[in-house]
Amino acid sequence: MASTFVNNLRLNEMATGDESGNWGVVTNLNLDIIGQAFGYGTRALADASTDNITIGDGVLDADRNMYLKLTGGGQACTVSLLPNTASKVYIMENATSATLTFTQGSGANVAILAGEVKMIAGDGLGSGAVVYDLLTDLNLAGVTKVDDLIVGDDLVVGDDLGVSGDIDLEGSIDVNGTANLDIVDIDGAVNMATTALVTGVLTTTAAQVINGGATLATNKKMNFRDAAIHISSSADGQLDLVADTEIQIAATTIDINGAIVASGEIAAVSLDISGAIDVDGVANLDVTDIDGTLNVAGVATAQVSANINQVALTSSSNAVAWDAAAAANAFHVTTENTTLSAPSNPVEGAIINIEIAQGGTPRTFAFNTVFEFAASTAPTITATASKTDILAFRYNGSVWQSIGITQNMAQT
């Protein structure tokens, strides 16, 4: 009987009576072939769309090595594992510049991208043979140490994942359960589709974008220091504060392009608003100090008396200067014969008034021509010591029209 090579490693199986006087040579060659099947080898592929890796019958060849580094190539290539009746495990390193697809029959194939390594096996079942990716659904029990881990698909960790170095993620992290992280340093964007629970301090060094909702539990605080808060004007771009929740901001700018909806209170030691405030509902303010202009398009209603601070005007070189914006409610105690100058900062529709009080020595008091009186005749101010006259004016855009005169009242 002749020798056969039908085993998976294509060893020489000598029949009874074969290789007389040559058993040692054949046996030693078989042992070398077995050793090679557990070894490392290299193989240059043809620069073609197809190529073969063939285990030779009873001879040493690189195609039998367990770890096989594939070089050469230059284009995507389908590599057939032959013969298709040999079942063999390979660790294939694709050192070419293109994807290699391994096949053995009409069954499933395995593709290895350029620069990657996979452990594969053909089942050797002939024309219908299948090539398997052996590390699919790999379960690594115990401690597994990896210098660089690149995950092309899902990474499922059933227990702790300990990383002594950095984790550089170019894709996304999908955490269905709880991610318990002692320290998290994130250089890029954080996209939260659900709830982020932070029991410690959340520190950001760049602008943060919250596409969904940010919810603070009762009696919890969110602190922003030396960073800006930007709330977009999109439909969902609003900041909702429920009861017992605070946002504390120190040395920080809040840039709000949308709406602030607060069901509780907004408490601030000081609130400096350089732009406009548009209040559609009721603004209930205990104390309001307005340094600039207050523009009320509707009706201004005061529950108690409306008070306009009284400002003293003095006379210099027989003239009294009057700033209509800064001293709408003015008074002047005469110290010399003087003339009331044209008020500065006039605004059409403005109403101002002045009290002219004579001192111990009566003085004359005249008016600039910008003041318009009935019959174009200015009143004669009461020339009696300790008497007071009060005059009111309305600015029509060119002159200050007299709208009220009360004279010769006793000073109290």
Protein backbone atom coordinates (compact mmCIF):
# COMPACT_ATOMS: atom_id res chain seq x y z
CA MET A 1 0.00 0.00 0.00
CA ALA A 2 1.17 3.53 -0.74
CA SER A 3 1.56 6.27 1.88
CA THR A 4 -1.41 8.69 2.39
CA PHE A 5 -1.66 12.35 3.47
CA VAL A 6 -5.30 12.68 4.45
CA ASN A 7 -4.70 14.11 7.94
CA ASN A 8 -5.04 17.81 8.77
CA LEU A 9 -1.27 18.49 8.75
CA ARG A 10 -0.67 16.40 5.58
CA LEU A 11 1.78 14.10 7.38
CA ASN A 12 3.04 11.00 5.64
CA GLU A 13 0.96 8.11 6.97
CA MET A 14 2.97 5.07 5.93
CA ALA A 15 1.12 1.92 5.06
CA THR A 16 2.25 -1.47 6.39
CA GLY A 17 5.41 -2.47 4.58
CA ASP A 18 6.07 1.00 3.13
CA GLU A 19 9.32 2.94 3.39
CA SER A 20 11.35 -0.12 4.34
CA GLY A 21 14.66 1.05 5.72
CA ASN A 22 13.43 4.70 5.56
CA TRP A 23 11.11 4.88 8.59
CA GLY A 24 13.50 7.06 10.56
CA VAL A 25 13.74 9.67 7.81
CA VAL A 26 9.98 9.81 7.24
CA THR A 27 9.21 9.86 10.95
CA ASN A 28 11.69 12.65 11.61
CA LEU A 29 10.23 14.67 8.73
CA ASN A 30 6.73 14.17 10.18
CA LEU A 31 7.98 15.45 13.56
CA ASP A 32 9.55 18.50 11.87
CA ILE A 33 6.26 19.17 10.09
CA ILE A 34 4.36 18.96 13.41
CA GLY A 35 6.83 21.40 14.96
CA GLN A 36 6.44 23.77 12.03
CA ALA A 37 2.65 23.66 12.47
CA PHE A 38 3.14 25.32 15.88
CA GLY A 39 5.69 27.87 14.63
CA TYR A 40 6.02 31.33 13.08
CA GLY A 41 6.44 31.96 9.39
CA THR A 42 6.06 34.56 6.69
CA ARG A 43 4.44 34.39 3.30
CA ALA A 44 4.36 36.91 0.43
CA LEU A 45 1.02 37.10 -1.35
CA ALA A 46 0.66 37.80 -5.03
CA ASP A 47 -0.49 41.26 -6.10
CA ALA A 48 -3.77 39.82 -7.30
CA SER A 49 -7.40 39.52 -6.31
CA THR A 50 -6.97 35.82 -5.36
CA ASP A 51 -4.24 33.62 -3.89
CA ASN A 52 -3.89 30.26 -2.13
CA ILE A 53 -2.33 29.07 1.13
CA THR A 54 -1.72 25.39 0.54
CA ILE A 55 -0.45 22.79 3.00
CA GLY A 56 1.86 20.51 1.03
CA ASP A 57 1.83 16.72 1.37
CA GLY A 58 4.68 15.51 3.57
CA VAL A 59 6.95 18.51 3.00
CA LEU A 60 8.00 21.51 5.05
CA ASP A 61 6.47 24.77 3.82
CA ALA A 62 5.62 28.18 5.31
CA ASP A 63 1.91 27.76 4.62
CA ARG A 64 1.72 25.25 7.47
CA ASN A 65 2.92 27.66 10.22
CA MET A 66 0.43 28.37 12.98
CA TYR A 67 1.36 32.08 13.04
CA LEU A 68 1.59 33.32 9.49
CA LYS A 69 2.62 36.89 8.64
CA LEU A 70 1.30 37.77 5.19
CA THR A 71 3.21 40.41 3.20
CA GLY A 72 3.25 41.63 -0.38
CA GLY A 73 -0.14 41.92 -2.03
CA GLY A 74 -1.21 45.47 -2.83
CA GLN A 75 -4.92 45.00 -3.41
CA ALA A 76 -7.91 43.36 -1.75
CA CYS A 77 -7.41 39.63 -2.03
CA THR A 78 -9.45 36.47 -1.38
CA VAL A 79 -7.14 33.79 0.02
CA SER A 80 -8.21 30.13 -0.17
CA LEU A 81 -7.06 27.74 2.57
CA LEU A 82 -6.13 24.48 0.78
CA PRO A 83 -6.74 21.69 0.65
CA ASN A 84 -10.35 22.30 1.63
CA THR A 85 -10.36 18.97 3.51
CA ALA A 86 -7.73 20.09 6.04
CA SER A 87 -8.96 21.59 9.31
CA LYS A 88 -6.30 23.92 10.65
CA VAL A 89 -5.97 26.78 13.15
CA TYR A 90 -4.07 29.86 11.98
CA ILE A 91 -3.07 33.14 13.60
CA MET A 92 -3.01 35.39 10.56
CA GLU A 93 -1.23 38.77 10.52
CA ASN A 94 -2.26 40.96 7.61
CA ALA A 95 0.91 42.95 6.95
CA THR A 96 -0.31 44.03 3.50
CA SER A 97 -1.96 47.33 2.62
CA ALA A 98 -5.38 45.87 1.78
CA THR A 99 -8.11 43.69 3.27
CA LEU A 100 -7.61 39.92 3.05
CA THR A 101 -10.64 37.61 2.99
CA PHE A 102 -10.05 33.96 3.92
CA THR A 103 -12.22 31.22 2.43
CA GLN A 104 -12.19 27.42 2.22
CA GLY A 105 -15.51 26.53 0.63
CA SER A 106 -18.97 27.91 0.04
CA GLY A 107 -19.45 28.55 3.77
CA ALA A 108 -18.73 31.73 5.73
CA ASN A 109 -15.49 33.65 5.27
CA VAL A 110 -13.40 35.84 7.59
CA ALA A 111 -11.96 39.24 6.57
CA ILE A 112 -8.85 40.70 8.19
CA LEU A 113 -8.19 44.40 7.70
CA ALA A 114 -4.74 45.70 6.84
CA GLY A 115 -2.52 45.84 9.92
CA GLU A 116 -4.73 43.53 11.99
CA VAL A 117 -4.27 40.03 13.41
CA LYS A 118 -6.95 37.34 13.83
CA MET A 119 -7.07 33.71 14.89
CA ILE A 120 -9.04 31.73 12.31
CA ALA A 121 -9.73 28.11 11.42
CA GLY A 122 -11.13 26.24 8.44
CA ASP A 123 -13.35 23.27 9.29
CA GLY A 124 -12.02 21.21 6.35
CA LEU A 125 -15.43 19.98 5.19
CA GLY A 126 -14.69 20.17 1.51
CA SER A 127 -16.65 22.28 -0.94
CA GLY A 128 -18.97 23.58 1.78
CA ALA A 129 -16.18 24.39 4.23
CA VAL A 130 -16.48 27.31 6.64
CA VAL A 131 -13.79 29.64 7.97
CA TYR A 132 -14.34 30.73 11.60
CA ASP A 133 -13.19 33.82 13.49
CA LEU A 134 -12.11 32.01 16.68
CA LEU A 135 -11.98 35.02 19.01
CA THR A 136 -15.57 36.05 18.40
CA ASP A 137 -17.44 36.05 21.76
CA LEU A 138 -14.09 35.63 23.53
CA ASN A 139 -14.49 35.47 27.35
CA LEU A 140 -11.33 36.59 29.15
CA ALA A 141 -11.64 35.52 32.78
CA GLY A 142 -9.29 36.90 35.40
CA VAL A 143 -6.92 39.80 34.76
CA THR A 144 -6.19 40.73 31.14
CA LYS A 145 -3.49 43.31 30.48
CA VAL A 146 -3.43 45.24 27.18
CA ASP A 147 -1.00 47.98 26.14
CA ASP A 148 -3.20 49.42 23.37
CA LEU A 149 -6.82 48.33 23.00
CA ILE A 150 -8.64 49.27 19.80
CA VAL A 151 -12.27 48.16 19.80
CA GLY A 152 -13.90 48.10 16.37
CA ASP A 153 -17.29 47.00 17.66
CA ASP A 154 -18.92 46.36 21.04
CA LEU A 155 -16.79 45.81 24.15
CA VAL A 156 -18.73 43.97 26.86
CA VAL A 157 -17.04 43.83 30.27
CA GLY A 158 -18.75 41.56 32.80
CA ASP A 159 -16.64 42.69 35.76
CA ASP A 160 -14.16 45.46 36.55
CA LEU A 161 -12.20 47.16 33.78
CA GLY A 162 -8.94 48.50 35.20
CA VAL A 163 -6.88 50.84 33.03
CA SER A 164 -3.53 52.11 34.33
CA GLY A 165 -2.95 54.38 31.33
CA ASP A 166 -5.11 56.59 29.14
CA ILE A 167 -8.29 55.61 27.30
CA ASP A 168 -8.43 57.34 23.90
CA LEU A 169 -11.87 56.90 22.32
CA GLU A 170 -12.50 58.07 18.76
CA GLY A 171 -16.02 56.68 18.76
CA SER A 172 -18.81 56.76 21.35
CA ILE A 173 -19.32 55.17 24.77
CA ASP A 174 -22.71 53.58 25.35
CA VAL A 175 -23.22 52.78 29.04
CA ASN A 176 -26.50 50.98 29.71
CA GLY A 177 -25.77 50.50 33.39
CA THR A 178 -23.82 52.55 35.93
CA ALA A 179 -20.38 53.94 35.13
CA ASN A 180 -18.58 54.47 38.46
CA LEU A 181 -15.61 56.71 37.66
CA ASP A 182 -13.32 58.18 40.34
CA ILE A 183 -11.73 60.78 38.03
CA VAL A 184 -12.91 61.62 34.52
CA ASP A 185 -10.87 63.95 32.28
CA ILE A 186 -12.74 64.60 29.03
CA ASP A 187 -11.05 66.65 26.29
CA GLY A 188 -13.92 66.50 23.79
CA ALA A 189 -17.71 66.61 23.91
CA VAL A 190 -19.99 64.74 26.32
CA ASN A 191 -23.28 63.66 24.77
CA MET A 192 -25.73 62.43 27.43
CA ALA A 193 -28.88 60.76 26.10
CA THR A 194 -30.05 60.01 29.64
CA THR A 195 -29.12 60.93 33.23
CA ALA A 196 -25.58 61.80 34.39
CA LEU A 197 -25.25 61.41 38.18
CA VAL A 198 -22.24 63.21 39.62
CA THR A 199 -21.72 62.76 43.38
CA GLY A 200 -18.53 64.81 43.44
CA VAL A 201 -17.43 68.01 41.69
CA LEU A 202 -18.03 68.45 37.95
CA THR A 203 -15.31 70.74 36.57
CA THR A 204 -15.30 71.97 32.97
CA THR A 205 -12.51 73.94 31.28
CA ALA A 206 -14.35 74.63 28.01
CA ALA A 207 -17.88 75.43 26.86
CA GLN A 208 -20.35 72.63 27.58
CA VAL A 209 -23.38 71.90 25.40
CA ILE A 210 -26.42 70.18 26.94
CA ASN A 211 -28.69 68.96 24.14
CA GLY A 212 -31.22 67.34 26.44
CA GLY A 213 -32.29 68.17 30.00
CA ALA A 214 -30.02 68.81 32.96
CA THR A 215 -31.80 67.82 36.17
CA LEU A 216 -30.60 68.60 39.69
CA ALA A 217 -32.00 66.61 42.58
CA THR A 218 -33.73 68.48 45.43
CA ASN A 219 -31.38 70.60 47.57
CA LYS A 220 -28.47 70.03 45.15
CA LYS A 221 -26.36 72.79 43.66
CA MET A 222 -24.61 73.46 40.35
CA ASN A 223 -21.62 75.78 40.70
CA PHE A 224 -20.04 77.66 37.77
CA ARG A 225 -16.76 79.49 38.38
CA ASP A 226 -14.76 81.46 35.79
CA ALA A 227 -16.70 79.94 32.88
CA ALA A 228 -19.56 81.00 30.67
CA ILE A 229 -23.03 79.44 30.50
CA HIS A 230 -24.50 79.57 26.98
CA ILE A 231 -28.18 78.63 26.53
CA SER A 232 -29.24 78.48 22.89
CA SER A 233 -32.46 79.93 21.51
CA SER A 234 -33.70 76.61 20.13
CA ALA A 235 -37.09 75.22 21.18
CA ASP A 236 -35.46 73.10 23.88
CA GLY A 237 -32.88 75.73 24.86
CA GLN A 238 -34.25 76.66 28.25
CA LEU A 239 -33.05 76.40 31.83
CA ASP A 240 -35.75 75.11 34.19
CA LEU A 241 -35.23 75.51 37.93
CA VAL A 242 -37.57 73.71 40.32
CA ALA A 243 -38.07 74.44 44.01
CA ASP A 244 -35.11 74.04 46.41
CA THR A 245 -32.58 74.14 43.55
CA GLU A 246 -29.81 76.69 43.17
CA ILE A 247 -27.33 77.70 40.50
CA GLN A 248 -24.38 79.51 42.03
CA ILE A 249 -22.26 81.60 39.69
CA ALA A 250 -18.99 83.25 40.75
CA ALA A 251 -16.91 85.55 38.48
CA THR A 252 -18.86 84.15 35.57
CA THR A 253 -20.80 85.33 32.52
CA ILE A 254 -24.24 83.90 31.69
CA ASP A 255 -25.01 84.36 28.00
CA ILE A 256 -28.70 83.54 27.43
CA ASN A 257 -30.10 83.69 23.90
CA GLY A 258 -33.30 81.85 24.82
CA ALA A 259 -35.62 81.91 27.83
CA ILE A 260 -35.11 81.39 31.57
CA VAL A 261 -38.10 79.59 33.08
CA ALA A 262 -37.94 79.52 36.88
CA SER A 263 -40.75 78.12 39.02
CA GLY A 264 -38.81 79.17 42.12
CA GLU A 265 -36.66 82.20 42.93
CA ILE A 266 -33.61 83.63 41.20
CA ALA A 267 -31.51 85.03 44.05
CA ALA A 268 -28.48 87.18 43.26
CA VAL A 269 -26.40 89.52 45.41
CA SER A 270 -26.18 91.75 42.34
CA LEU A 271 -27.54 91.33 38.82
CA ASP A 272 -25.98 93.53 36.14
CA ILE A 273 -27.90 93.46 32.85
CA SER A 274 -26.38 95.48 30.02
CA GLY A 275 -29.12 94.64 27.54
CA ALA A 276 -32.93 94.71 27.67
CA ILE A 277 -35.30 92.90 30.04
CA ASP A 278 -38.60 91.83 28.48
CA VAL A 279 -41.15 90.80 31.13
CA ASP A 280 -44.43 89.50 29.69
CA GLY A 281 -45.91 88.71 33.09
CA VAL A 282 -45.64 90.37 36.51
CA ALA A 283 -42.24 91.44 37.85
CA ASN A 284 -42.53 91.51 41.65
CA LEU A 285 -39.47 93.43 42.87
CA ASP A 286 -38.97 94.33 46.54
CA VAL A 287 -36.31 96.97 45.85
CA THR A 288 -35.39 98.22 42.36
CA ASP A 289 -32.44 100.53 41.77
CA ILE A 290 -32.23 101.65 38.13
CA ASP A 291 -29.12 103.62 37.19
CA GLY A 292 -30.07 104.13 33.55
CA THR A 293 -33.28 104.67 31.62
CA LEU A 294 -36.57 102.94 32.45
CA ASN A 295 -38.73 102.56 29.33
CA VAL A 296 -42.31 101.50 30.15
CA ALA A 297 -44.48 100.81 27.08
CA GLY A 298 -47.57 100.02 29.16
CA VAL A 299 -48.98 101.42 32.39
CA ALA A 300 -46.67 101.84 35.39
CA THR A 301 -48.67 101.19 38.56
CA ALA A 302 -47.35 102.01 42.05
CA GLN A 303 -49.09 100.35 45.02
CA VAL A 304 -47.84 103.20 47.23
CA SER A 305 -46.61 106.71 46.39
CA ALA A 306 -44.14 107.19 43.56
CA ASN A 307 -41.05 109.03 44.79
CA ILE A 308 -38.65 110.99 42.59
CA ASN A 309 -35.53 112.04 44.45
CA GLN A 310 -35.20 115.80 44.98
CA VAL A 311 -31.92 117.27 43.70
CA ALA A 312 -30.44 120.60 44.76
CA LEU A 313 -29.39 123.09 42.08
CA THR A 314 -26.86 125.82 42.82
CA SER A 315 -26.17 129.17 41.18
CA SER A 316 -22.82 130.14 39.74
CA SER A 317 -22.02 133.39 37.90
CA ASN A 318 -25.70 134.35 38.05
CA ALA A 319 -26.83 131.15 36.27
CA VAL A 320 -28.42 127.88 37.43
CA ALA A 321 -27.56 124.76 35.39
CA TRP A 322 -30.22 122.02 35.27
CA ASP A 323 -29.76 118.44 34.03
CA ALA A 324 -33.29 117.33 33.10
CA ALA A 325 -32.36 113.63 33.19
CA ALA A 326 -30.44 113.64 36.48
CA ALA A 327 -32.67 116.13 38.37
CA ALA A 328 -36.27 115.78 37.20
CA ASN A 329 -37.37 116.90 40.68
CA ALA A 330 -35.15 119.89 41.55
CA PHE A 331 -34.99 122.71 44.07
CA HIS A 332 -32.91 125.85 44.31
CA VAL A 333 -32.32 128.15 47.29
CA THR A 334 -31.42 131.58 45.97
CA THR A 335 -28.05 133.04 46.87
CA GLU A 336 -27.80 135.67 44.13
CA ASN A 337 -29.81 137.22 41.34
CA THR A 338 -29.76 134.45 38.76
CA THR A 339 -31.26 132.96 35.57
CA LEU A 340 -32.38 129.35 35.07
CA SER A 341 -30.38 128.01 32.08
CA ALA A 342 -31.76 125.76 29.35
CA PRO A 343 -31.93 122.22 30.82
CA SER A 344 -29.44 119.72 29.42
CA ASN A 345 -30.36 116.17 28.25
CA PRO A 346 -33.94 117.00 27.21
CA VAL A 347 -36.17 114.16 25.98
CA GLU A 348 -39.41 114.77 24.16
CA GLY A 349 -42.33 114.15 26.52
CA ALA A 350 -40.24 114.54 29.68
CA ILE A 351 -41.83 116.29 32.68
CA ILE A 352 -39.67 118.14 35.23
CA ASN A 353 -40.35 120.50 38.10
CA ILE A 354 -38.39 122.90 40.27
CA GLU A 355 -38.93 124.54 43.66
CA ILE A 356 -37.48 128.07 43.92
CA ALA A 357 -36.99 128.98 47.55
CA GLN A 358 -35.96 132.48 48.64
CA GLY A 359 -33.32 132.67 51.34
CA GLY A 360 -33.13 135.28 54.04
CA THR A 361 -32.50 137.91 51.36
CA PRO A 362 -34.90 137.86 48.38
CA ARG A 363 -33.27 137.58 44.93
CA THR A 364 -34.53 137.97 41.38
CA PHE A 365 -34.98 134.81 39.35
CA ALA A 366 -35.32 134.80 35.54
CA PHE A 367 -35.77 132.08 32.88
CA ASN A 368 -33.97 131.12 29.68
CA THR A 369 -36.03 131.64 26.53
CA VAL A 370 -36.37 127.87 26.11
CA PHE A 371 -39.05 128.01 28.83
CA GLU A 372 -42.46 128.83 27.34
CA PHE A 373 -45.20 130.31 29.57
CA ALA A 374 -48.80 131.34 28.97
CA ALA A 375 -48.96 134.36 26.67
CA SER A 376 -45.19 133.96 26.33
CA THR A 377 -44.82 135.86 29.60
CA ALA A 378 -42.59 134.48 32.31
CA PRO A 379 -43.96 134.74 35.87
CA THR A 380 -42.37 137.03 38.44
CA ILE A 381 -40.88 134.85 41.14
CA THR A 382 -42.06 135.80 44.66
CA ALA A 383 -39.51 138.28 46.02
CA THR A 384 -40.17 137.64 49.70
CA ALA A 385 -37.74 136.06 52.12
CA SER A 386 -38.57 132.42 53.06
CA LYS A 387 -41.22 132.07 50.37
CA THR A 388 -41.39 129.26 47.81
CA ASP A 389 -42.63 128.98 44.22
CA ILE A 390 -43.04 125.60 42.43
CA LEU A 391 -43.06 125.32 38.61
CA ALA A 392 -43.57 122.27 36.34
CA PHE A 393 -42.62 121.90 32.66
CA ARG A 394 -43.14 119.48 29.78
CA TYR A 395 -40.67 119.20 26.88
CA ASN A 396 -42.33 119.12 23.42
CA GLY A 397 -39.13 118.53 21.50
CA SER A 398 -38.11 122.17 21.15
CA VAL A 399 -39.24 124.16 24.22
CA TRP A 400 -40.14 123.47 27.85
CA GLN A 401 -43.83 124.27 28.19
CA SER A 402 -45.15 125.48 31.54
CA ILE A 403 -47.82 123.08 32.84
CA GLY A 404 -48.13 124.28 36.43
CA ILE A 405 -47.22 127.25 38.66
CA THR A 406 -47.87 127.59 42.40
CA GLN A 407 -46.44 130.68 44.11
CA ASN A 408 -45.97 132.49 47.41
CA MET A 409 -46.02 129.45 49.66
CA ALA A 410 -44.47 129.55 53.08
CA GLN A 411 -41.35 127.50 53.58
CA THR A 412 -41.58 124.87 56.33
